[in-house]
Amino acid sequence: MPANTTLARLALPVLAMALPASLALAGPAQAAQAAQPSPVHTATVPAAAVAGAPLDDPYEKDIAMRLVSSAENSTLDWRGQFRYIEPYPDGRGYTGGIIGFTSGTGDMLELVERYTKKKPDNPLAKYLPALRKVNGSDSHAGLGKPFEEAWRKAADEDKAFRDAQEAERDRVYFDPSVKQAKADGLRTLGQFVYYDAIVMHGPGDGKDSFGGIRKAALAKAKPPAQGGDEKAYLDAFLDARKKVMKKEEAHSDTSRVDTAQRVFLNEGNFDLRPPLKWKVYGESYRIDK
């Protein structure tokens, strides 16, 4: 986690005494925003070779990673997050890596298993028994500071671990969401909307998962592949997602929808082309050509 966000979390108990209840319960980035203005985070990426390139185009994919990183890590430097690891108090145990793999939901375990299969002699292999035990809970038993140090060591020194993070991200989240979005006839923005949703809510058909959100949206509007209007369908999807987000305190700030994805949608930027300007947790971001 970037230094500014980490400091905000450390200061949160003090801030909570002086802030209204709504801000005291908000995430660290929101609390920090209330305390002082934040700068505009900017980045420049090469333009995609063809207008309307899909999200799995390398240039568009890099934009997607930056957008998610702004919400998950308060930075556009998504490649700097391979080493991120912390016990975040959201009921999911440890959170780490480029998209926030968690020890409580199984994807961190699958990541370390994948890494160990590729490279058995690695700093994280000895923590596999502990990761299996804490899976499905918020426990940190058998992990702690030594695990955090091993994670950072692997991320800093071993390309195989960084490659494993990207491969697991693509296998579980990116590839399935983009494939479904294309099948629904959605352009690049819609493909990103699906991807960001599956990162936060996970795959599956439960009512609070990506599949459940999509099902709720389909009950309200048809996607382009079924002859529907793309904007109307994406509005329905984002509405359904917001309802799910508000069920959980850790996700109750919906700015990654309201002041980011909905902004692009209302601008009619279905190809997700820079320049892009958005806000998450009150912080401003921009991607220029």
C-alpha atoms as a PDB file:
ATOM      1  CA  MET A   1       0.000   0.000   0.000  1.00  0.00           C
ATOM      2  CA  PRO A   2       1.400   3.454  -0.889  1.00  0.00           C
ATOM      3  CA  ALA A   3       2.814   5.536   1.929  1.00  0.00           C
ATOM      4  CA  ASN A   4       0.039   8.130   1.883  1.00  0.00           C
ATOM      5  CA  THR A   5      -2.624   5.443   2.318  1.00  0.00           C
ATOM      6  CA  THR A   6      -0.684   3.629   5.017  1.00  0.00           C
ATOM      7  CA  LEU A   7      -0.283   6.846   6.984  1.00  0.00           C
ATOM      8  CA  ALA A   8      -3.975   7.533   6.599  1.00  0.00           C
ATOM      9  CA  ARG A   9      -4.766   4.143   8.114  1.00  0.00           C
ATOM     10  CA  LEU A  10      -2.411   4.730  11.018  1.00  0.00           C
ATOM     11  CA  ALA A  11      -4.038   8.084  11.681  1.00  0.00           C
ATOM     12  CA  LEU A  12      -7.598   6.815  11.359  1.00  0.00           C
ATOM     13  CA  PRO A  13      -8.302   6.300  15.093  1.00  0.00           C
ATOM     14  CA  VAL A  14      -7.313   9.913  15.796  1.00  0.00           C
ATOM     15  CA  LEU A  15      -9.252  11.277  12.862  1.00  0.00           C
ATOM     16  CA  ALA A  16     -12.337   9.362  13.892  1.00  0.00           C
ATOM     17  CA  MET A  17     -12.563  11.424  17.082  1.00  0.00           C
ATOM     18  CA  ALA A  18     -12.835  14.658  15.142  1.00  0.00           C
ATOM     19  CA  LEU A  19     -14.793  13.613  12.062  1.00  0.00           C
ATOM     20  CA  PRO A  20     -18.519  13.018  11.593  1.00  0.00           C
ATOM     21  CA  ALA A  21     -19.588   9.417  12.016  1.00  0.00           C
ATOM     22  CA  SER A  22     -19.948   8.889   8.272  1.00  0.00           C
ATOM     23  CA  LEU A  23     -16.313   9.834   7.697  1.00  0.00           C
ATOM     24  CA  ALA A  24     -15.059   8.059  10.781  1.00  0.00           C
ATOM     25  CA  LEU A  25     -16.463   4.835   9.368  1.00  0.00           C
ATOM     26  CA  ALA A  26     -15.142   5.526   5.882  1.00  0.00           C
ATOM     27  CA  GLY A  27     -12.002   4.033   4.408  1.00  0.00           C
ATOM     28  CA  PRO A  28      -8.526   5.462   5.008  1.00  0.00           C
ATOM     29  CA  ALA A  29      -8.363   7.372   1.765  1.00  0.00           C
ATOM     30  CA  GLN A  30     -11.666   9.122   2.543  1.00  0.00           C
ATOM     31  CA  ALA A  31     -10.493  10.093   6.026  1.00  0.00           C
ATOM     32  CA  ALA A  32      -7.236  11.452   4.672  1.00  0.00           C
ATOM     33  CA  GLN A  33      -9.162  13.446   2.080  1.00  0.00           C
ATOM     34  CA  ALA A  34     -11.226  15.071   4.811  1.00  0.00           C
ATOM     35  CA  ALA A  35      -8.046  16.075   6.609  1.00  0.00           C
ATOM     36  CA  GLN A  36      -6.269  17.700   3.661  1.00  0.00           C
ATOM     37  CA  PRO A  37      -6.633  18.240  -0.100  1.00  0.00           C
ATOM     38  CA  SER A  38      -5.067  15.567  -2.261  1.00  0.00           C
ATOM     39  CA  PRO A  39      -3.035  16.092  -5.432  1.00  0.00           C
ATOM     40  CA  VAL A  40      -4.115  14.950  -8.862  1.00  0.00           C
ATOM     41  CA  HIS A  41      -2.457  11.638  -9.725  1.00  0.00           C
ATOM     42  CA  THR A  42      -1.490  11.594 -13.390  1.00  0.00           C
ATOM     43  CA  ALA A  43      -0.100   9.097 -15.861  1.00  0.00           C
ATOM     44  CA  THR A  44       0.592   8.900 -19.564  1.00  0.00           C
ATOM     45  CA  VAL A  45       0.109   5.706 -21.540  1.00  0.00           C
ATOM     46  CA  PRO A  46       0.612   5.055 -25.256  1.00  0.00           C
ATOM     47  CA  ALA A  47      -2.592   5.264 -27.254  1.00  0.00           C
ATOM     48  CA  ALA A  48      -3.981   2.002 -28.561  1.00  0.00           C
ATOM     49  CA  ALA A  49      -3.144   1.397 -32.197  1.00  0.00           C
ATOM     50  CA  VAL A  50      -6.801   1.084 -33.189  1.00  0.00           C
ATOM     51  CA  ALA A  51      -9.707   3.113 -31.842  1.00  0.00           C
ATOM     52  CA  GLY A  52     -12.170   0.861 -30.082  1.00  0.00           C
ATOM     53  CA  ALA A  53      -9.542  -1.725 -29.162  1.00  0.00           C
ATOM     54  CA  PRO A  54     -10.861  -4.267 -26.627  1.00  0.00           C
ATOM     55  CA  LEU A  55      -9.732  -4.317 -23.020  1.00  0.00           C
ATOM     56  CA  ASP A  56      -7.313  -7.170 -23.681  1.00  0.00           C
ATOM     57  CA  ASP A  57      -5.384  -4.944 -26.076  1.00  0.00           C
ATOM     58  CA  PRO A  58      -2.067  -4.342 -24.226  1.00  0.00           C
ATOM     59  CA  TYR A  59      -2.556  -0.577 -24.060  1.00  0.00           C
ATOM     60  CA  GLU A  60      -6.151  -0.772 -22.883  1.00  0.00           C
ATOM     61  CA  LYS A  61      -5.234  -3.469 -20.377  1.00  0.00           C
ATOM     62  CA  ASP A  62      -2.610  -1.189 -18.863  1.00  0.00           C
ATOM     63  CA  ILE A  63      -5.250   1.528 -18.514  1.00  0.00           C
ATOM     64  CA  ALA A  64      -7.543  -0.976 -16.792  1.00  0.00           C
ATOM     65  CA  MET A  65      -4.807  -1.922 -14.337  1.00  0.00           C
ATOM     66  CA  ARG A  66      -4.219   1.752 -13.497  1.00  0.00           C
ATOM     67  CA  LEU A  67      -7.918   2.381 -12.969  1.00  0.00           C
ATOM     68  CA  VAL A  68      -8.238  -0.565 -10.591  1.00  0.00           C
ATOM     69  CA  SER A  69      -5.055   0.421  -8.769  1.00  0.00           C
ATOM     70  CA  SER A  70      -6.436   3.900  -8.121  1.00  0.00           C
ATOM     71  CA  ALA A  71      -9.299   2.287  -6.200  1.00  0.00           C
ATOM     72  CA  GLU A  72      -7.421  -0.590  -4.595  1.00  0.00           C
ATOM     73  CA  ASN A  73      -4.115   1.121  -3.764  1.00  0.00           C
ATOM     74  CA  SER A  74      -4.610   4.891  -4.209  1.00  0.00           C
ATOM     75  CA  THR A  75      -1.981   5.052  -6.947  1.00  0.00           C
ATOM     76  CA  LEU A  76      -1.728   4.638 -10.712  1.00  0.00           C
ATOM     77  CA  ASP A  77       1.520   2.697 -10.314  1.00  0.00           C
ATOM     78  CA  TRP A  78      -0.037  -0.759 -10.422  1.00  0.00           C
ATOM     79  CA  ARG A  79       3.304  -2.448 -11.067  1.00  0.00           C
ATOM     80  CA  GLY A  80       4.522  -1.104  -7.746  1.00  0.00           C
ATOM     81  CA  GLN A  81       1.897  -3.194  -5.935  1.00  0.00           C
ATOM     82  CA  PHE A  82       3.377  -6.664  -6.419  1.00  0.00           C
ATOM     83  CA  ARG A  83       5.031  -6.245  -2.993  1.00  0.00           C
ATOM     84  CA  TYR A  84       1.977  -4.790  -1.241  1.00  0.00           C
ATOM     85  CA  ILE A  85       0.818  -6.912   1.712  1.00  0.00           C
ATOM     86  CA  GLU A  86      -1.037  -5.997   4.894  1.00  0.00           C
ATOM     87  CA  PRO A  87      -3.587  -7.397   7.353  1.00  0.00           C
ATOM     88  CA  TYR A  88      -6.518  -5.229   6.309  1.00  0.00           C
ATOM     89  CA  PRO A  89      -9.491  -5.121   8.735  1.00  0.00           C
ATOM     90  CA  ASP A  90     -12.257  -6.048   6.290  1.00  0.00           C
ATOM     91  CA  GLY A  91     -12.866  -9.622   7.398  1.00  0.00           C
ATOM     92  CA  ARG A  92     -10.704 -11.112   4.644  1.00  0.00           C
ATOM     93  CA  GLY A  93      -7.427 -11.517   6.514  1.00  0.00           C
ATOM     94  CA  TYR A  94      -4.341 -10.472   4.586  1.00  0.00           C
ATOM     95  CA  THR A  95      -4.659  -8.435   1.391  1.00  0.00           C
ATOM     96  CA  GLY A  96      -1.761  -8.310  -1.039  1.00  0.00           C
ATOM     97  CA  GLY A  97      -0.515  -7.979  -4.573  1.00  0.00           C
ATOM     98  CA  ILE A  98      -1.628  -6.212  -7.724  1.00  0.00           C
ATOM     99  CA  ILE A  99      -5.374  -6.759  -7.316  1.00  0.00           C
ATOM    100  CA  GLY A 100      -5.680  -7.436  -3.607  1.00  0.00           C
ATOM    101  CA  PHE A 101      -5.458 -11.219  -3.295  1.00  0.00           C
ATOM    102  CA  THR A 102      -6.789 -12.155   0.148  1.00  0.00           C
ATOM    103  CA  SER A 103      -5.955 -14.950   2.568  1.00  0.00           C
ATOM    104  CA  GLY A 104      -9.586 -15.291   3.604  1.00  0.00           C
ATOM    105  CA  THR A 105     -11.146 -15.845   0.182  1.00  0.00           C
ATOM    106  CA  GLY A 106      -8.827 -18.429  -1.344  1.00  0.00           C
ATOM    107  CA  ASP A 107      -7.213 -16.510  -4.175  1.00  0.00           C
ATOM    108  CA  MET A 108      -4.047 -15.761  -2.181  1.00  0.00           C
ATOM    109  CA  LEU A 109      -3.719 -19.467  -1.430  1.00  0.00           C
ATOM    110  CA  GLU A 110      -4.204 -20.337  -5.108  1.00  0.00           C
ATOM    111  CA  LEU A 111      -1.598 -17.741  -6.064  1.00  0.00           C
ATOM    112  CA  VAL A 112       1.049 -19.132  -3.704  1.00  0.00           C
ATOM    113  CA  GLU A 113       0.221 -22.685  -4.805  1.00  0.00           C
ATOM    114  CA  ARG A 114       0.674 -21.657  -8.438  1.00  0.00           C
ATOM    115  CA  TYR A 115       3.956 -19.936  -7.622  1.00  0.00           C
ATOM    116  CA  THR A 116       5.219 -22.936  -5.660  1.00  0.00           C
ATOM    117  CA  LYS A 117       4.294 -25.350  -8.435  1.00  0.00           C
ATOM    118  CA  LYS A 118       6.368 -23.250 -10.813  1.00  0.00           C
ATOM    119  CA  LYS A 119       9.199 -22.705  -8.339  1.00  0.00           C
ATOM    120  CA  PRO A 120       9.098 -25.035  -5.294  1.00  0.00           C
ATOM    121  CA  ASP A 121      12.044 -23.393  -3.548  1.00  0.00           C
ATOM    122  CA  ASN A 122      10.561 -19.972  -2.814  1.00  0.00           C
ATOM    123  CA  PRO A 123      10.172 -17.759   0.291  1.00  0.00           C
ATOM    124  CA  LEU A 124       6.395 -18.307   0.540  1.00  0.00           C
ATOM    125  CA  ALA A 125       6.190 -22.088   0.146  1.00  0.00           C
ATOM    126  CA  LYS A 126       6.541 -22.755   3.872  1.00  0.00           C
ATOM    127  CA  TYR A 127       3.425 -20.667   4.555  1.00  0.00           C
ATOM    128  CA  LEU A 128       1.129 -22.865   2.465  1.00  0.00           C
ATOM    129  CA  PRO A 129      -0.079 -24.914   5.481  1.00  0.00           C
ATOM    130  CA  ALA A 130      -0.991 -21.703   7.331  1.00  0.00           C
ATOM    131  CA  LEU A 131      -2.717 -20.236   4.269  1.00  0.00           C
ATOM    132  CA  ARG A 132      -4.805 -23.391   3.949  1.00  0.00           C
ATOM    133  CA  LYS A 133      -5.817 -23.182   7.617  1.00  0.00           C
ATOM    134  CA  VAL A 134      -6.873 -19.517   7.518  1.00  0.00           C
ATOM    135  CA  ASN A 135      -8.714 -19.789   4.198  1.00  0.00           C
ATOM    136  CA  GLY A 136     -12.330 -18.773   4.728  1.00  0.00           C
ATOM    137  CA  SER A 137     -11.580 -16.686   7.813  1.00  0.00           C
ATOM    138  CA  ASP A 138      -9.977 -13.402   8.843  1.00  0.00           C
ATOM    139  CA  SER A 139      -7.306 -15.181  10.892  1.00  0.00           C
ATOM    140  CA  HIS A 140      -3.603 -14.356  10.547  1.00  0.00           C
ATOM    141  CA  ALA A 141      -2.491 -17.443  12.467  1.00  0.00           C
ATOM    142  CA  GLY A 142       0.858 -18.785  11.307  1.00  0.00           C
ATOM    143  CA  LEU A 143       1.498 -15.768   9.083  1.00  0.00           C
ATOM    144  CA  GLY A 144       2.356 -12.389  10.659  1.00  0.00           C
ATOM    145  CA  LYS A 145       5.450 -10.273  10.046  1.00  0.00           C
ATOM    146  CA  PRO A 146       7.654 -13.125   8.751  1.00  0.00           C
ATOM    147  CA  PHE A 147       5.030 -13.868   6.083  1.00  0.00           C
ATOM    148  CA  GLU A 148       4.855 -10.189   5.119  1.00  0.00           C
ATOM    149  CA  GLU A 149       8.643 -10.038   4.783  1.00  0.00           C
ATOM    150  CA  ALA A 150       8.684 -13.211   2.682  1.00  0.00           C
ATOM    151  CA  TRP A 151       5.985 -11.785   0.383  1.00  0.00           C
ATOM    152  CA  ARG A 152       7.963  -8.584  -0.199  1.00  0.00           C
ATOM    153  CA  LYS A 153      11.184 -10.513  -0.741  1.00  0.00           C
ATOM    154  CA  ALA A 154       9.528 -12.700  -3.376  1.00  0.00           C
ATOM    155  CA  ALA A 155       7.980  -9.695  -5.113  1.00  0.00           C
ATOM    156  CA  ASP A 156      11.216  -7.700  -5.125  1.00  0.00           C
ATOM    157  CA  GLU A 157      13.604 -10.467  -6.112  1.00  0.00           C
ATOM    158  CA  ASP A 158      11.692 -13.094  -8.072  1.00  0.00           C
ATOM    159  CA  LYS A 159      10.125 -12.439 -11.466  1.00  0.00           C
ATOM    160  CA  ALA A 160       8.391 -15.815 -11.186  1.00  0.00           C
ATOM    161  CA  PHE A 161       6.266 -14.473  -8.319  1.00  0.00           C
ATOM    162  CA  ARG A 162       5.370 -11.320 -10.214  1.00  0.00           C
ATOM    163  CA  ASP A 163       4.482 -13.424 -13.253  1.00  0.00           C
ATOM    164  CA  ALA A 164       2.345 -15.686 -11.059  1.00  0.00           C
ATOM    165  CA  GLN A 165       0.374 -12.687  -9.795  1.00  0.00           C
ATOM    166  CA  GLU A 166      -0.363 -11.533 -13.335  1.00  0.00           C
ATOM    167  CA  ALA A 167      -1.248 -15.034 -14.505  1.00  0.00           C
ATOM    168  CA  GLU A 168      -3.625 -15.623 -11.584  1.00  0.00           C
ATOM    169  CA  ARG A 169      -5.225 -12.210 -12.103  1.00  0.00           C
ATOM    170  CA  ASP A 170      -5.866 -13.083 -15.739  1.00  0.00           C
ATOM    171  CA  ARG A 171      -7.079 -16.626 -15.102  1.00  0.00           C
ATOM    172  CA  VAL A 172      -9.550 -15.830 -12.329  1.00  0.00           C
ATOM    173  CA  TYR A 173     -10.620 -12.256 -13.017  1.00  0.00           C
ATOM    174  CA  PHE A 174      -9.518 -10.528 -16.194  1.00  0.00           C
ATOM    175  CA  ASP A 175     -10.015 -13.165 -18.881  1.00  0.00           C
ATOM    176  CA  PRO A 176     -13.443 -14.430 -17.701  1.00  0.00           C
ATOM    177  CA  SER A 177     -14.861 -10.918 -17.239  1.00  0.00           C
ATOM    178  CA  VAL A 178     -13.659  -9.652 -20.617  1.00  0.00           C
ATOM    179  CA  LYS A 179     -14.925 -12.809 -22.328  1.00  0.00           C
ATOM    180  CA  GLN A 180     -18.383 -12.369 -20.789  1.00  0.00           C
ATOM    181  CA  ALA A 181     -18.468  -8.666 -21.644  1.00  0.00           C
ATOM    182  CA  LYS A 182     -17.633  -9.384 -25.274  1.00  0.00           C
ATOM    183  CA  ALA A 183     -20.358 -12.039 -25.372  1.00  0.00           C
ATOM    184  CA  ASP A 184     -22.788  -9.417 -24.048  1.00  0.00           C
ATOM    185  CA  GLY A 185     -21.786  -7.068 -26.870  1.00  0.00           C
ATOM    186  CA  LEU A 186     -20.082  -4.527 -24.613  1.00  0.00           C
ATOM    187  CA  ARG A 187     -17.326  -2.248 -25.786  1.00  0.00           C
ATOM    188  CA  THR A 188     -14.134  -1.456 -23.876  1.00  0.00           C
ATOM    189  CA  LEU A 189     -15.766   0.541 -21.074  1.00  0.00           C
ATOM    190  CA  GLY A 190     -18.283  -2.215 -20.422  1.00  0.00           C
ATOM    191  CA  GLN A 191     -15.488  -4.766 -20.411  1.00  0.00           C
ATOM    192  CA  PHE A 192     -13.740  -2.718 -17.739  1.00  0.00           C
ATOM    193  CA  VAL A 193     -16.951  -2.332 -15.734  1.00  0.00           C
ATOM    194  CA  TYR A 194     -17.219  -6.131 -15.631  1.00  0.00           C
ATOM    195  CA  TYR A 195     -13.551  -6.549 -14.715  1.00  0.00           C
ATOM    196  CA  ASP A 196     -13.634  -4.069 -11.844  1.00  0.00           C
ATOM    197  CA  ALA A 197     -16.768  -5.728 -10.489  1.00  0.00           C
ATOM    198  CA  ILE A 198     -15.296  -9.225 -10.532  1.00  0.00           C
ATOM    199  CA  VAL A 199     -12.126  -7.984  -8.799  1.00  0.00           C
ATOM    200  CA  MET A 200     -14.155  -6.649  -5.878  1.00  0.00           C
ATOM    201  CA  HIS A 201     -17.021  -9.132  -5.688  1.00  0.00           C
ATOM    202  CA  GLY A 202     -15.429 -12.284  -7.040  1.00  0.00           C
ATOM    203  CA  PRO A 203     -16.587 -14.734  -9.701  1.00  0.00           C
ATOM    204  CA  GLY A 204     -19.551 -17.023  -9.172  1.00  0.00           C
ATOM    205  CA  ASP A 205     -23.335 -16.917  -9.315  1.00  0.00           C
ATOM    206  CA  GLY A 206     -24.154 -15.842  -5.763  1.00  0.00           C
ATOM    207  CA  LYS A 207     -26.358 -12.765  -5.527  1.00  0.00           C
ATOM    208  CA  ASP A 208     -23.477 -10.648  -4.191  1.00  0.00           C
ATOM    209  CA  SER A 209     -20.918 -11.972  -6.687  1.00  0.00           C
ATOM    210  CA  PHE A 210     -20.228 -10.849 -10.244  1.00  0.00           C
ATOM    211  CA  GLY A 211     -22.709 -13.364 -11.627  1.00  0.00           C
ATOM    212  CA  GLY A 212     -25.426 -12.205  -9.266  1.00  0.00           C
ATOM    213  CA  ILE A 213     -24.860  -8.553 -10.143  1.00  0.00           C
ATOM    214  CA  ARG A 214     -25.050  -9.353 -13.847  1.00  0.00           C
ATOM    215  CA  LYS A 215     -28.252 -11.335 -13.307  1.00  0.00           C
ATOM    216  CA  ALA A 216     -29.822  -8.377 -11.485  1.00  0.00           C
ATOM    217  CA  ALA A 217     -28.816  -6.058 -14.338  1.00  0.00           C
ATOM    218  CA  LEU A 218     -30.282  -8.413 -16.949  1.00  0.00           C
ATOM    219  CA  ALA A 219     -33.593  -8.272 -15.101  1.00  0.00           C
ATOM    220  CA  LYS A 220     -33.666  -4.505 -15.677  1.00  0.00           C
ATOM    221  CA  ALA A 221     -32.165  -4.064 -19.151  1.00  0.00           C
ATOM    222  CA  LYS A 222     -30.920  -5.999 -22.160  1.00  0.00           C
ATOM    223  CA  PRO A 223     -27.256  -5.884 -23.200  1.00  0.00           C
ATOM    224  CA  PRO A 224     -26.371  -5.000 -26.804  1.00  0.00           C
ATOM    225  CA  ALA A 225     -26.002  -8.681 -27.734  1.00  0.00           C
ATOM    226  CA  GLN A 226     -29.715  -9.066 -26.970  1.00  0.00           C
ATOM    227  CA  GLY A 227     -30.698  -5.923 -28.841  1.00  0.00           C
ATOM    228  CA  GLY A 228     -30.554  -3.590 -25.846  1.00  0.00           C
ATOM    229  CA  ASP A 229     -29.072  -0.134 -25.399  1.00  0.00           C
ATOM    230  CA  GLU A 230     -25.499  -0.268 -24.118  1.00  0.00           C
ATOM    231  CA  LYS A 231     -25.736   2.754 -21.830  1.00  0.00           C
ATOM    232  CA  ALA A 232     -29.037   1.657 -20.321  1.00  0.00           C
ATOM    233  CA  TYR A 233     -27.640  -1.792 -19.622  1.00  0.00           C
ATOM    234  CA  LEU A 234     -24.422  -0.492 -18.051  1.00  0.00           C
ATOM    235  CA  ASP A 235     -26.444   1.914 -15.910  1.00  0.00           C
ATOM    236  CA  ALA A 236     -28.478  -1.058 -14.695  1.00  0.00           C
ATOM    237  CA  PHE A 237     -25.316  -3.048 -13.990  1.00  0.00           C
ATOM    238  CA  LEU A 238     -23.718  -0.212 -12.011  1.00  0.00           C
ATOM    239  CA  ASP A 239     -26.957   0.313 -10.067  1.00  0.00           C
ATOM    240  CA  ALA A 240     -27.040  -3.383  -9.176  1.00  0.00           C
ATOM    241  CA  ARG A 241     -23.405  -3.311  -8.144  1.00  0.00           C
ATOM    242  CA  LYS A 242     -23.907  -0.292  -5.888  1.00  0.00           C
ATOM    243  CA  LYS A 243     -26.650  -2.123  -4.009  1.00  0.00           C
ATOM    244  CA  VAL A 244     -24.263  -4.979  -3.316  1.00  0.00           C
ATOM    245  CA  MET A 245     -21.431  -2.648  -2.300  1.00  0.00           C
ATOM    246  CA  LYS A 246     -23.599  -0.867   0.251  1.00  0.00           C
ATOM    247  CA  LYS A 247     -24.316  -4.131   2.045  1.00  0.00           C
ATOM    248  CA  GLU A 248     -20.756  -4.251   3.364  1.00  0.00           C
ATOM    249  CA  GLU A 249     -19.065  -1.478   5.334  1.00  0.00           C
ATOM    250  CA  ALA A 250     -15.676  -2.137   3.719  1.00  0.00           C
ATOM    251  CA  HIS A 251     -17.190  -1.487   0.278  1.00  0.00           C
ATOM    252  CA  SER A 252     -19.836   1.092   1.185  1.00  0.00           C
ATOM    253  CA  ASP A 253     -17.962   3.954  -0.485  1.00  0.00           C
ATOM    254  CA  THR A 254     -19.201   3.706  -4.070  1.00  0.00           C
ATOM    255  CA  SER A 255     -17.012   6.415  -5.588  1.00  0.00           C
ATOM    256  CA  ARG A 256     -15.236   3.934  -7.886  1.00  0.00           C
ATOM    257  CA  VAL A 257     -18.655   3.668  -9.536  1.00  0.00           C
ATOM    258  CA  ASP A 258     -20.106   7.159  -9.026  1.00  0.00           C
ATOM    259  CA  THR A 259     -17.122   9.385  -9.790  1.00  0.00           C
ATOM    260  CA  ALA A 260     -15.192   7.045 -12.069  1.00  0.00           C
ATOM    261  CA  GLN A 261     -17.058   4.485 -14.175  1.00  0.00           C
ATOM    262  CA  ARG A 262     -20.321   6.429 -14.255  1.00  0.00           C
ATOM    263  CA  VAL A 263     -18.381   9.519 -15.348  1.00  0.00           C
ATOM    264  CA  PHE A 264     -16.934   7.682 -18.355  1.00  0.00           C
ATOM    265  CA  LEU A 265     -20.367   6.265 -19.162  1.00  0.00           C
ATOM    266  CA  ASN A 266     -22.104   9.651 -19.011  1.00  0.00           C
ATOM    267  CA  GLU A 267     -19.381  11.078 -21.241  1.00  0.00           C
ATOM    268  CA  GLY A 268     -20.179   8.399 -23.800  1.00  0.00           C
ATOM    269  CA  ASN A 269     -16.593   7.139 -23.682  1.00  0.00           C
ATOM    270  CA  PHE A 270     -17.475   3.549 -24.547  1.00  0.00           C
ATOM    271  CA  ASP A 271     -14.005   2.965 -26.012  1.00  0.00           C
ATOM    272  CA  LEU A 272     -12.340   4.059 -22.741  1.00  0.00           C
ATOM    273  CA  ARG A 273      -9.975   6.379 -24.564  1.00  0.00           C
ATOM    274  CA  PRO A 274      -7.694   8.886 -22.823  1.00  0.00           C
ATOM    275  CA  PRO A 275      -7.716  11.538 -21.623  1.00  0.00           C
ATOM    276  CA  LEU A 276      -9.526  10.080 -18.621  1.00  0.00           C
ATOM    277  CA  LYS A 277     -10.334  12.045 -15.474  1.00  0.00           C
ATOM    278  CA  TRP A 278     -11.946  10.529 -12.388  1.00  0.00           C
ATOM    279  CA  LYS A 279     -12.040  10.493  -8.600  1.00  0.00           C
ATOM    280  CA  VAL A 280     -11.929   7.664  -6.071  1.00  0.00           C
ATOM    281  CA  TYR A 281     -12.365   8.256  -2.325  1.00  0.00           C
ATOM    282  CA  GLY A 282     -12.133  11.979  -3.053  1.00  0.00           C
ATOM    283  CA  GLU A 283      -8.707  11.761  -4.724  1.00  0.00           C
ATOM    284  CA  SER A 284      -8.346  12.967  -8.311  1.00  0.00           C
ATOM    285  CA  TYR A 285      -6.678  10.968 -11.076  1.00  0.00           C
ATOM    286  CA  ARG A 286      -5.940  11.525 -14.735  1.00  0.00           C
ATOM    287  CA  ILE A 287      -4.570   9.469 -17.606  1.00  0.00           C
ATOM    288  CA  ASP A 288      -3.404  11.481 -20.603  1.00  0.00           C
ATOM    289  CA  LYS A 289      -2.459  10.356 -24.076  1.00  0.00           C
END
